[in-house]
Amino acid sequence: MSGNVQQITVTSYPQTPYFLRVDWAEDLGAGFTIALTDGSSAWIGEVSEDEVTEDANDVGLARGEHVKDLLGALTGGRRGRQRDEAAYSFSLAPDHGRLSYQKISNGVPVHLGCVELQPAPDPVELNREMIALALKCNVDLKLDNSQLLDGNRRLKQQNQVILQELEQQVQDKEELERKLYSRFVPVMNEKKAKIRSLQDELQHLQRTDDKQSDKEERQSDSKRRRGGGGDQKGKEESRQSFHPSQEPTILITGRDLECHGISVDRAFSDDEEEPPRRKQRPLHTQSPDPGDED
């Protein structure tokens, strides 16, 4: 069973302080009881779960949102969280027979619910119980406050330790960076010098290779020119050395040479002279001398 006591201001009786006690089993959505007192008189009432659900449907809110608004209005936010007086308002019927509670949203009042009140059978006992509950809530709040203060102190101490460790780590980091930088710079300069040396060597090799290629190309062109000139000269000499005779060919036989008083070696075969003799026979047969026939 949970309960809470808070002081409220009733709009219809702004000069009279009222104290509101709310008790519930599970949560406000499952129903709750109310006790209201002005110090001399007391009134009690009860709200069922069905009434809470009906009020949520009337304002068009989900049950969880409506219960959250009820908790803020009837308990002041609970656990010592101060309720915003401008956010909620209470009104009491002239006969103290009904207590209504509203939420002020953007200056517009939104009805959260109401409870029918009846005079308490023993107002003094009810006031005593409310005072005891208020004292108990005050003790609980002090305990919660003390625990929060202790937690706050621990957090501050931890924060201080973390800040000191962070500063030390920053210093260690800067020192390590200086050491690494002092070691890295010579290595980097050495690597740069090596890279420049390799680049110079590469450029030298490229120039040497280009010169060699140009030289070989010039030699090749010179050889081709010399080779082409020799071939042309040889062809011209061959053409000059060969002059075919334009005169008609005359066949001279050994007998013709003997007729002109030129001795001929008899080693020559008779077959060499036979073709001319064969050619001469038809000539004698075709043109006979008339003096010989006589």
C-alpha atoms as a PDB file:
ATOM      1  CA  MET A   1       0.000   0.000   0.000  1.00  0.00           C
ATOM      2  CA  SER A   2       1.383   3.360  -1.048  1.00  0.00           C
ATOM      3  CA  GLY A   3       0.365   6.770   0.202  1.00  0.00           C
ATOM      4  CA  ASN A   4       1.242  10.423  -0.049  1.00  0.00           C
ATOM      5  CA  VAL A   5       0.283  13.663   1.696  1.00  0.00           C
ATOM      6  CA  GLN A   6       0.611  17.117   0.176  1.00  0.00           C
ATOM      7  CA  GLN A   7      -0.721  20.600   0.697  1.00  0.00           C
ATOM      8  CA  ILE A   8      -2.954  21.923  -2.066  1.00  0.00           C
ATOM      9  CA  THR A   9      -4.647  25.180  -2.908  1.00  0.00           C
ATOM     10  CA  VAL A  10      -8.368  25.046  -3.672  1.00  0.00           C
ATOM     11  CA  THR A  11      -9.456  27.735  -6.121  1.00  0.00           C
ATOM     12  CA  SER A  12     -12.807  28.185  -4.409  1.00  0.00           C
ATOM     13  CA  TYR A  13     -11.127  28.673  -1.012  1.00  0.00           C
ATOM     14  CA  PRO A  14      -7.730  30.202  -1.799  1.00  0.00           C
ATOM     15  CA  GLN A  15      -7.158  31.492   1.732  1.00  0.00           C
ATOM     16  CA  THR A  16      -7.675  28.120   3.415  1.00  0.00           C
ATOM     17  CA  PRO A  17      -4.838  25.587   3.337  1.00  0.00           C
ATOM     18  CA  TYR A  18      -5.988  22.052   2.569  1.00  0.00           C
ATOM     19  CA  PHE A  19      -4.088  18.798   2.929  1.00  0.00           C
ATOM     20  CA  LEU A  20      -4.732  15.947   0.518  1.00  0.00           C
ATOM     21  CA  ARG A  21      -3.908  12.324   1.242  1.00  0.00           C
ATOM     22  CA  VAL A  22      -3.955   9.699  -1.524  1.00  0.00           C
ATOM     23  CA  ASP A  23      -3.576   5.930  -0.994  1.00  0.00           C
ATOM     24  CA  TRP A  24      -3.439   3.215  -3.677  1.00  0.00           C
ATOM     25  CA  ALA A  25      -2.592  -0.467  -3.937  1.00  0.00           C
ATOM     26  CA  GLU A  26      -0.852  -1.019  -7.306  1.00  0.00           C
ATOM     27  CA  ASP A  27      -1.072   2.266  -9.186  1.00  0.00           C
ATOM     28  CA  LEU A  28      -3.552   5.059  -9.492  1.00  0.00           C
ATOM     29  CA  GLY A  29      -5.034   3.430 -12.572  1.00  0.00           C
ATOM     30  CA  ALA A  30      -6.305   0.539 -10.437  1.00  0.00           C
ATOM     31  CA  GLY A  31      -8.244   2.903  -8.153  1.00  0.00           C
ATOM     32  CA  PHE A  32      -7.377   4.998  -5.104  1.00  0.00           C
ATOM     33  CA  THR A  33      -8.804   6.619  -1.964  1.00  0.00           C
ATOM     34  CA  ILE A  34      -8.713  10.275  -0.987  1.00  0.00           C
ATOM     35  CA  ALA A  35      -8.801  12.083   2.344  1.00  0.00           C
ATOM     36  CA  LEU A  36      -9.117  15.889   2.499  1.00  0.00           C
ATOM     37  CA  THR A  37      -8.788  18.062   5.607  1.00  0.00           C
ATOM     38  CA  ASP A  38      -8.534  21.723   6.496  1.00  0.00           C
ATOM     39  CA  GLY A  39      -7.271  20.963  10.019  1.00  0.00           C
ATOM     40  CA  SER A  40     -10.665  20.967  11.698  1.00  0.00           C
ATOM     41  CA  SER A  41     -12.901  19.016   9.355  1.00  0.00           C
ATOM     42  CA  ALA A  42     -12.159  16.029   7.117  1.00  0.00           C
ATOM     43  CA  TRP A  43     -13.710  14.350   4.127  1.00  0.00           C
ATOM     44  CA  ILE A  44     -13.051  11.005   2.437  1.00  0.00           C
ATOM     45  CA  GLY A  45     -13.797   9.531  -0.991  1.00  0.00           C
ATOM     46  CA  GLU A  46     -12.898   6.697  -3.379  1.00  0.00           C
ATOM     47  CA  VAL A  47     -12.290   6.401  -7.157  1.00  0.00           C
ATOM     48  CA  SER A  48     -12.614   3.016  -8.856  1.00  0.00           C
ATOM     49  CA  GLU A  49     -10.620   1.640 -11.779  1.00  0.00           C
ATOM     50  CA  ASP A  50     -13.627   1.943 -14.064  1.00  0.00           C
ATOM     51  CA  GLU A  51     -13.966   5.611 -13.223  1.00  0.00           C
ATOM     52  CA  VAL A  52     -10.279   6.186 -14.019  1.00  0.00           C
ATOM     53  CA  THR A  53     -10.722   4.437 -17.376  1.00  0.00           C
ATOM     54  CA  GLU A  54     -13.848   6.456 -18.125  1.00  0.00           C
ATOM     55  CA  ASP A  55     -12.068   9.731 -17.319  1.00  0.00           C
ATOM     56  CA  ALA A  56      -9.174   8.717 -19.635  1.00  0.00           C
ATOM     57  CA  ASN A  57     -11.639   8.024 -22.451  1.00  0.00           C
ATOM     58  CA  ASP A  58     -13.362  11.348 -21.882  1.00  0.00           C
ATOM     59  CA  VAL A  59     -10.141  13.326 -22.359  1.00  0.00           C
ATOM     60  CA  GLY A  60      -8.972  11.082 -25.236  1.00  0.00           C
ATOM     61  CA  LEU A  61      -5.764   9.881 -23.558  1.00  0.00           C
ATOM     62  CA  ALA A  62      -4.247   6.443 -23.180  1.00  0.00           C
ATOM     63  CA  ARG A  63      -4.528   4.914 -19.737  1.00  0.00           C
ATOM     64  CA  GLY A  64      -0.797   5.264 -19.050  1.00  0.00           C
ATOM     65  CA  GLU A  65      -0.727   8.957 -19.956  1.00  0.00           C
ATOM     66  CA  HIS A  66      -3.829   9.641 -17.881  1.00  0.00           C
ATOM     67  CA  VAL A  67      -2.366   7.837 -14.849  1.00  0.00           C
ATOM     68  CA  LYS A  68       0.794   9.907 -15.237  1.00  0.00           C
ATOM     69  CA  ASP A  69      -1.249  13.109 -15.115  1.00  0.00           C
ATOM     70  CA  LEU A  70      -3.168  11.831 -12.060  1.00  0.00           C
ATOM     71  CA  LEU A  71       0.090  11.059 -10.283  1.00  0.00           C
ATOM     72  CA  GLY A  72       1.348  14.568 -10.936  1.00  0.00           C
ATOM     73  CA  ALA A  73      -1.874  16.180  -9.768  1.00  0.00           C
ATOM     74  CA  LEU A  74      -2.676  14.103  -6.669  1.00  0.00           C
ATOM     75  CA  THR A  75       0.827  13.380  -5.353  1.00  0.00           C
ATOM     76  CA  GLY A  76       2.796  16.359  -6.586  1.00  0.00           C
ATOM     77  CA  GLY A  77       5.004  14.121  -8.705  1.00  0.00           C
ATOM     78  CA  ARG A  78       5.774  11.897  -5.664  1.00  0.00           C
ATOM     79  CA  ARG A  79       9.133  11.340  -3.998  1.00  0.00           C
ATOM     80  CA  GLY A  80       9.624  15.008  -3.186  1.00  0.00           C
ATOM     81  CA  ARG A  81       9.431  16.327  -6.723  1.00  0.00           C
ATOM     82  CA  GLN A  82       7.731  19.673  -6.311  1.00  0.00           C
ATOM     83  CA  ARG A  83       4.483  19.983  -8.229  1.00  0.00           C
ATOM     84  CA  ASP A  84       4.071  22.887 -10.564  1.00  0.00           C
ATOM     85  CA  GLU A  85       1.182  24.847  -9.033  1.00  0.00           C
ATOM     86  CA  ALA A  86       0.384  26.402 -12.403  1.00  0.00           C
ATOM     87  CA  ALA A  87       0.073  22.994 -14.045  1.00  0.00           C
ATOM     88  CA  TYR A  88      -2.731  21.612 -11.869  1.00  0.00           C
ATOM     89  CA  SER A  89      -5.692  23.121 -10.067  1.00  0.00           C
ATOM     90  CA  PHE A  90      -8.317  21.876  -7.602  1.00  0.00           C
ATOM     91  CA  SER A  91     -11.893  23.021  -7.057  1.00  0.00           C
ATOM     92  CA  LEU A  92     -14.204  22.097  -4.195  1.00  0.00           C
ATOM     93  CA  ALA A  93     -17.988  22.188  -4.199  1.00  0.00           C
ATOM     94  CA  PRO A  94     -19.567  24.640  -1.755  1.00  0.00           C
ATOM     95  CA  ASP A  95     -20.936  21.781   0.329  1.00  0.00           C
ATOM     96  CA  HIS A  96     -17.542  19.989   0.167  1.00  0.00           C
ATOM     97  CA  GLY A  97     -19.279  17.105  -1.518  1.00  0.00           C
ATOM     98  CA  ARG A  98     -17.046  16.919  -4.631  1.00  0.00           C
ATOM     99  CA  LEU A  99     -13.372  17.552  -5.351  1.00  0.00           C
ATOM    100  CA  SER A 100     -12.373  18.123  -8.989  1.00  0.00           C
ATOM    101  CA  TYR A 101      -8.798  18.213 -10.320  1.00  0.00           C
ATOM    102  CA  GLN A 102      -7.627  19.657 -13.592  1.00  0.00           C
ATOM    103  CA  LYS A 103      -4.470  20.044 -15.665  1.00  0.00           C
ATOM    104  CA  ILE A 104      -3.644  23.419 -17.217  1.00  0.00           C
ATOM    105  CA  SER A 105      -2.280  22.804 -20.724  1.00  0.00           C
ATOM    106  CA  ASN A 106      -1.260  25.937 -22.657  1.00  0.00           C
ATOM    107  CA  GLY A 107      -3.613  27.995 -20.526  1.00  0.00           C
ATOM    108  CA  VAL A 108      -6.525  25.648 -21.203  1.00  0.00           C
ATOM    109  CA  PRO A 109      -7.899  23.574 -18.282  1.00  0.00           C
ATOM    110  CA  VAL A 110      -8.239  19.865 -19.010  1.00  0.00           C
ATOM    111  CA  HIS A 111     -10.521  17.867 -16.700  1.00  0.00           C
ATOM    112  CA  LEU A 112      -8.708  14.890 -15.167  1.00  0.00           C
ATOM    113  CA  GLY A 113     -11.451  13.602 -12.863  1.00  0.00           C
ATOM    114  CA  CYS A 114     -13.407  14.132  -9.688  1.00  0.00           C
ATOM    115  CA  VAL A 115     -14.253  12.297  -6.505  1.00  0.00           C
ATOM    116  CA  GLU A 116     -17.393  12.311  -4.395  1.00  0.00           C
ATOM    117  CA  LEU A 117     -16.597  13.233  -0.773  1.00  0.00           C
ATOM    118  CA  GLN A 118     -18.249  12.270   2.477  1.00  0.00           C
ATOM    119  CA  PRO A 119     -17.560  13.620   5.976  1.00  0.00           C
ATOM    120  CA  ALA A 120     -15.035  11.480   7.837  1.00  0.00           C
ATOM    121  CA  PRO A 121     -16.481   9.645  10.872  1.00  0.00           C
ATOM    122  CA  ASP A 122     -13.501  10.636  13.078  1.00  0.00           C
ATOM    123  CA  PRO A 123     -11.769  13.766  11.739  1.00  0.00           C
ATOM    124  CA  VAL A 124      -9.324  13.926  14.643  1.00  0.00           C
ATOM    125  CA  GLU A 125      -8.073  10.400  14.061  1.00  0.00           C
ATOM    126  CA  LEU A 126      -7.883  11.047  10.347  1.00  0.00           C
ATOM    127  CA  ASN A 127      -5.850  14.200  10.975  1.00  0.00           C
ATOM    128  CA  ARG A 128      -3.533  12.266  13.276  1.00  0.00           C
ATOM    129  CA  GLU A 129      -2.996   9.584  10.640  1.00  0.00           C
ATOM    130  CA  MET A 130      -2.317  12.220   8.001  1.00  0.00           C
ATOM    131  CA  ILE A 131       0.230  13.912  10.265  1.00  0.00           C
ATOM    132  CA  ALA A 132       1.962  10.576  10.906  1.00  0.00           C
ATOM    133  CA  LEU A 133       1.998   9.790   7.205  1.00  0.00           C
ATOM    134  CA  ALA A 134       3.350  13.270   6.458  1.00  0.00           C
ATOM    135  CA  LEU A 135       6.126  12.766   9.019  1.00  0.00           C
ATOM    136  CA  LYS A 136       6.919   9.354   7.556  1.00  0.00           C
ATOM    137  CA  CYS A 137       7.029  10.831   4.056  1.00  0.00           C
ATOM    138  CA  ASN A 138       9.260  13.580   5.389  1.00  0.00           C
ATOM    139  CA  VAL A 139      11.631  11.003   6.897  1.00  0.00           C
ATOM    140  CA  ASP A 140      11.631   9.027   3.658  1.00  0.00           C
ATOM    141  CA  LEU A 141      12.333  12.181   1.710  1.00  0.00           C
ATOM    142  CA  LYS A 142      15.187  13.079   4.037  1.00  0.00           C
ATOM    143  CA  LEU A 143      16.602   9.590   3.637  1.00  0.00           C
ATOM    144  CA  ASP A 144      16.273   9.818  -0.109  1.00  0.00           C
ATOM    145  CA  ASN A 145      17.832  13.260  -0.020  1.00  0.00           C
ATOM    146  CA  SER A 146      20.712  11.999   2.121  1.00  0.00           C
ATOM    147  CA  GLN A 147      21.293   9.108  -0.254  1.00  0.00           C
ATOM    148  CA  LEU A 148      21.197  11.467  -3.211  1.00  0.00           C
ATOM    149  CA  LEU A 149      23.683  13.774  -1.492  1.00  0.00           C
ATOM    150  CA  ASP A 150      25.996  10.859  -0.759  1.00  0.00           C
ATOM    151  CA  GLY A 151      25.706   9.722  -4.342  1.00  0.00           C
ATOM    152  CA  ASN A 152      26.394  13.260  -5.502  1.00  0.00           C
ATOM    153  CA  ARG A 153      29.524  13.449  -3.326  1.00  0.00           C
ATOM    154  CA  ARG A 154      30.742  10.113  -4.668  1.00  0.00           C
ATOM    155  CA  LEU A 155      30.125  11.253  -8.188  1.00  0.00           C
ATOM    156  CA  LYS A 156      32.042  14.460  -7.534  1.00  0.00           C
ATOM    157  CA  GLN A 157      34.944  12.501  -6.053  1.00  0.00           C
ATOM    158  CA  GLN A 158      34.918  10.090  -8.975  1.00  0.00           C
ATOM    159  CA  ASN A 159      34.714  13.029 -11.333  1.00  0.00           C
ATOM    160  CA  GLN A 160      37.723  14.631  -9.653  1.00  0.00           C
ATOM    161  CA  VAL A 161      39.699  11.397  -9.856  1.00  0.00           C
ATOM    162  CA  ILE A 162      38.744  10.963 -13.506  1.00  0.00           C
ATOM    163  CA  LEU A 163      39.800  14.531 -14.259  1.00  0.00           C
ATOM    164  CA  GLN A 164      43.160  13.977 -12.591  1.00  0.00           C
ATOM    165  CA  GLU A 165      43.667  10.724 -14.469  1.00  0.00           C
ATOM    166  CA  LEU A 166      42.638  12.433 -17.674  1.00  0.00           C
ATOM    167  CA  GLU A 167      45.145  15.240 -17.125  1.00  0.00           C
ATOM    168  CA  GLN A 168      47.860  12.684 -16.390  1.00  0.00           C
ATOM    169  CA  GLN A 169      46.968  10.726 -19.501  1.00  0.00           C
ATOM    170  CA  VAL A 170      47.088  13.921 -21.546  1.00  0.00           C
ATOM    171  CA  GLN A 171      50.533  14.684 -20.209  1.00  0.00           C
ATOM    172  CA  ASP A 172      51.691  11.107 -20.869  1.00  0.00           C
ATOM    173  CA  LYS A 173      50.251  11.312 -24.366  1.00  0.00           C
ATOM    174  CA  GLU A 174      52.056  14.575 -25.112  1.00  0.00           C
ATOM    175  CA  GLU A 175      55.324  13.180 -23.766  1.00  0.00           C
ATOM    176  CA  LEU A 176      54.924  10.023 -25.840  1.00  0.00           C
ATOM    177  CA  GLU A 177      54.163  12.107 -28.933  1.00  0.00           C
ATOM    178  CA  ARG A 178      57.317  14.159 -28.396  1.00  0.00           C
ATOM    179  CA  LYS A 179      59.414  11.003 -28.059  1.00  0.00           C
ATOM    180  CA  LEU A 180      57.855   9.389 -31.095  1.00  0.00           C
ATOM    181  CA  TYR A 181      58.249  12.577 -33.104  1.00  0.00           C
ATOM    182  CA  SER A 182      61.895  12.910 -32.147  1.00  0.00           C
ATOM    183  CA  ARG A 183      62.453   9.336 -33.347  1.00  0.00           C
ATOM    184  CA  PHE A 184      60.297   9.632 -36.394  1.00  0.00           C
ATOM    185  CA  VAL A 185      61.794  12.810 -37.869  1.00  0.00           C
ATOM    186  CA  PRO A 186      65.292  11.342 -38.523  1.00  0.00           C
ATOM    187  CA  VAL A 187      63.775   8.207 -40.020  1.00  0.00           C
ATOM    188  CA  MET A 188      61.468  10.287 -42.193  1.00  0.00           C
ATOM    189  CA  ASN A 189      64.337  12.500 -43.383  1.00  0.00           C
ATOM    190  CA  GLU A 190      66.419   9.412 -44.174  1.00  0.00           C
ATOM    191  CA  LYS A 191      63.568   7.917 -46.150  1.00  0.00           C
ATOM    192  CA  LYS A 192      63.089  11.178 -48.025  1.00  0.00           C
ATOM    193  CA  ALA A 193      66.786  11.292 -48.907  1.00  0.00           C
ATOM    194  CA  LYS A 194      66.652   7.680 -50.064  1.00  0.00           C
ATOM    195  CA  ILE A 195      63.601   8.413 -52.194  1.00  0.00           C
ATOM    196  CA  ARG A 196      65.297  11.426 -53.772  1.00  0.00           C
ATOM    197  CA  SER A 197      68.401   9.335 -54.477  1.00  0.00           C
ATOM    198  CA  LEU A 198      66.329   6.624 -56.109  1.00  0.00           C
ATOM    199  CA  GLN A 199      64.460   9.200 -58.162  1.00  0.00           C
ATOM    200  CA  ASP A 200      67.722  10.750 -59.359  1.00  0.00           C
ATOM    201  CA  GLU A 201      69.106   7.332 -60.225  1.00  0.00           C
ATOM    202  CA  LEU A 202      65.934   6.434 -62.073  1.00  0.00           C
ATOM    203  CA  GLN A 203      66.059   9.660 -64.063  1.00  0.00           C
ATOM    204  CA  HIS A 204      69.723   9.041 -64.917  1.00  0.00           C
ATOM    205  CA  LEU A 205      68.927   5.529 -66.097  1.00  0.00           C
ATOM    206  CA  GLN A 206      66.045   6.820 -68.167  1.00  0.00           C
ATOM    207  CA  ARG A 207      68.250   9.438 -69.825  1.00  0.00           C
ATOM    208  CA  THR A 208      70.965   6.829 -70.487  1.00  0.00           C
ATOM    209  CA  ASP A 209      68.417   4.446 -71.943  1.00  0.00           C
ATOM    210  CA  ASP A 210      66.980   7.189 -74.139  1.00  0.00           C
ATOM    211  CA  LYS A 211      70.448   8.104 -75.424  1.00  0.00           C
ATOM    212  CA  GLN A 212      71.275   4.455 -76.146  1.00  0.00           C
ATOM    213  CA  SER A 213      67.981   4.016 -77.966  1.00  0.00           C
ATOM    214  CA  ASP A 214      68.623   7.137 -80.053  1.00  0.00           C
ATOM    215  CA  LYS A 215      72.141   5.954 -80.865  1.00  0.00           C
ATOM    216  CA  GLU A 216      70.958   2.498 -81.925  1.00  0.00           C
ATOM    217  CA  GLU A 217      68.225   4.025 -84.011  1.00  0.00           C
ATOM    218  CA  ARG A 218      70.701   6.325 -85.800  1.00  0.00           C
ATOM    219  CA  GLN A 219      73.073   3.405 -86.440  1.00  0.00           C
ATOM    220  CA  SER A 220      70.231   1.337 -87.803  1.00  0.00           C
ATOM    221  CA  ASP A 221      69.149   4.156 -90.099  1.00  0.00           C
ATOM    222  CA  SER A 222      72.770   4.608 -91.305  1.00  0.00           C
ATOM    223  CA  LYS A 223      73.112   0.892 -92.039  1.00  0.00           C
ATOM    224  CA  ARG A 224      69.876   0.890 -93.951  1.00  0.00           C
ATOM    225  CA  ARG A 225      70.995   3.862 -96.010  1.00  0.00           C
ATOM    226  CA  ARG A 226      74.386   2.272 -96.760  1.00  0.00           C
ATOM    227  CA  GLY A 227      72.825  -1.057 -97.608  1.00  0.00           C
ATOM    228  CA  GLY A 228      70.299   0.582 -99.909  1.00  0.00           C
ATOM    229  CA  GLY A 229      73.051   2.533-101.781  1.00  0.00           C
ATOM    230  CA  GLY A 230      75.197  -0.631-102.381  1.00  0.00           C
ATOM    231  CA  ASP A 231      72.289  -2.576-103.749  1.00  0.00           C
ATOM    232  CA  GLN A 232      71.371   0.273-106.058  1.00  0.00           C
ATOM    233  CA  LYS A 233      74.984   0.576-107.269  1.00  0.00           C
ATOM    234  CA  GLY A 234      75.240  -3.166-107.888  1.00  0.00           C
ATOM    235  CA  LYS A 235      72.045  -3.110-109.862  1.00  0.00           C
ATOM    236  CA  GLU A 236      73.310  -0.221-111.978  1.00  0.00           C
ATOM    237  CA  GLU A 237      76.647  -2.022-112.659  1.00  0.00           C
ATOM    238  CA  SER A 238      74.799  -5.164-113.646  1.00  0.00           C
ATOM    239  CA  ARG A 239      72.671  -3.218-116.071  1.00  0.00           C
ATOM    240  CA  GLN A 240      75.758  -1.517-117.515  1.00  0.00           C
ATOM    241  CA  SER A 241      77.745  -4.800-117.948  1.00  0.00           C
ATOM    242  CA  PHE A 242      74.942  -6.514-119.801  1.00  0.00           C
ATOM    243  CA  HIS A 243      74.467  -5.115-123.360  1.00  0.00           C
ATOM    244  CA  PRO A 244      72.731  -7.579-125.662  1.00  0.00           C
ATOM    245  CA  SER A 245      73.781  -7.277-129.356  1.00  0.00           C
ATOM    246  CA  GLN A 246      71.311  -5.565-131.557  1.00  0.00           C
ATOM    247  CA  GLU A 247      72.875  -7.129-134.729  1.00  0.00           C
ATOM    248  CA  PRO A 248      71.375 -10.298-136.277  1.00  0.00           C
ATOM    249  CA  THR A 249      73.084 -13.577-135.389  1.00  0.00           C
ATOM    250  CA  ILE A 250      75.171 -15.184-138.204  1.00  0.00           C
ATOM    251  CA  LEU A 251      75.746 -18.901-138.178  1.00  0.00           C
ATOM    252  CA  ILE A 252      79.372 -19.718-139.241  1.00  0.00           C
ATOM    253  CA  THR A 253      80.362 -23.274-139.945  1.00  0.00           C
ATOM    254  CA  GLY A 254      83.774 -24.869-140.273  1.00  0.00           C
ATOM    255  CA  ARG A 255      83.361 -25.205-144.050  1.00  0.00           C
ATOM    256  CA  ASP A 256      82.753 -21.492-144.351  1.00  0.00           C
ATOM    257  CA  LEU A 257      85.955 -20.842-142.447  1.00  0.00           C
ATOM    258  CA  GLU A 258      87.922 -23.188-144.761  1.00  0.00           C
ATOM    259  CA  CYS A 259      86.518 -21.424-147.770  1.00  0.00           C
ATOM    260  CA  HIS A 260      88.027 -18.233-146.433  1.00  0.00           C
ATOM    261  CA  GLY A 261      91.414 -19.900-145.868  1.00  0.00           C
ATOM    262  CA  ILE A 262      91.010 -20.408-142.095  1.00  0.00           C
ATOM    263  CA  SER A 263      92.087 -23.796-140.857  1.00  0.00           C
ATOM    264  CA  VAL A 264      89.651 -25.565-138.540  1.00  0.00           C
ATOM    265  CA  ASP A 265      90.501 -28.229-136.014  1.00  0.00           C
ATOM    266  CA  ARG A 266      89.025 -31.540-137.145  1.00  0.00           C
ATOM    267  CA  ALA A 267      88.397 -32.504-133.599  1.00  0.00           C
ATOM    268  CA  PHE A 268      85.040 -30.853-133.949  1.00  0.00           C
ATOM    269  CA  SER A 269      82.318 -33.457-134.477  1.00  0.00           C
ATOM    270  CA  ASP A 270      80.683 -33.739-137.832  1.00  0.00           C
ATOM    271  CA  ASP A 271      77.414 -33.549-136.048  1.00  0.00           C
ATOM    272  CA  GLU A 272      78.077 -29.900-135.349  1.00  0.00           C
ATOM    273  CA  GLU A 273      78.185 -29.167-139.064  1.00  0.00           C
ATOM    274  CA  GLU A 274      75.378 -31.461-140.001  1.00  0.00           C
ATOM    275  CA  PRO A 275      72.537 -29.146-139.117  1.00  0.00           C
ATOM    276  CA  PRO A 276      73.795 -26.524-141.588  1.00  0.00           C
ATOM    277  CA  ARG A 277      74.159 -29.161-144.275  1.00  0.00           C
ATOM    278  CA  ARG A 278      70.628 -30.277-143.689  1.00  0.00           C
ATOM    279  CA  LYS A 279      69.512 -26.702-144.049  1.00  0.00           C
ATOM    280  CA  GLN A 280      71.528 -26.236-147.267  1.00  0.00           C
ATOM    281  CA  ARG A 281      70.140 -29.303-149.049  1.00  0.00           C
ATOM    282  CA  PRO A 282      66.672 -27.936-149.486  1.00  0.00           C
ATOM    283  CA  LEU A 283      68.206 -24.784-150.853  1.00  0.00           C
ATOM    284  CA  HIS A 284      69.992 -26.711-153.684  1.00  0.00           C
ATOM    285  CA  THR A 285      66.897 -28.721-154.482  1.00  0.00           C
ATOM    286  CA  GLN A 286      64.586 -25.758-154.603  1.00  0.00           C
ATOM    287  CA  SER A 287      66.835 -23.691-156.979  1.00  0.00           C
ATOM    288  CA  PRO A 288      68.579 -26.041-159.544  1.00  0.00           C
ATOM    289  CA  ASP A 289      71.024 -24.577-161.999  1.00  0.00           C
ATOM    290  CA  PRO A 290      69.818 -24.973-165.671  1.00  0.00           C
ATOM    291  CA  GLY A 291      73.392 -25.274-166.940  1.00  0.00           C
ATOM    292  CA  ASP A 292      74.006 -28.439-164.861  1.00  0.00           C
ATOM    293  CA  GLU A 293      71.014 -30.277-166.354  1.00  0.00           C
ATOM    294  CA  ASP A 294      72.379 -29.837-169.770  1.00  0.00           C
END
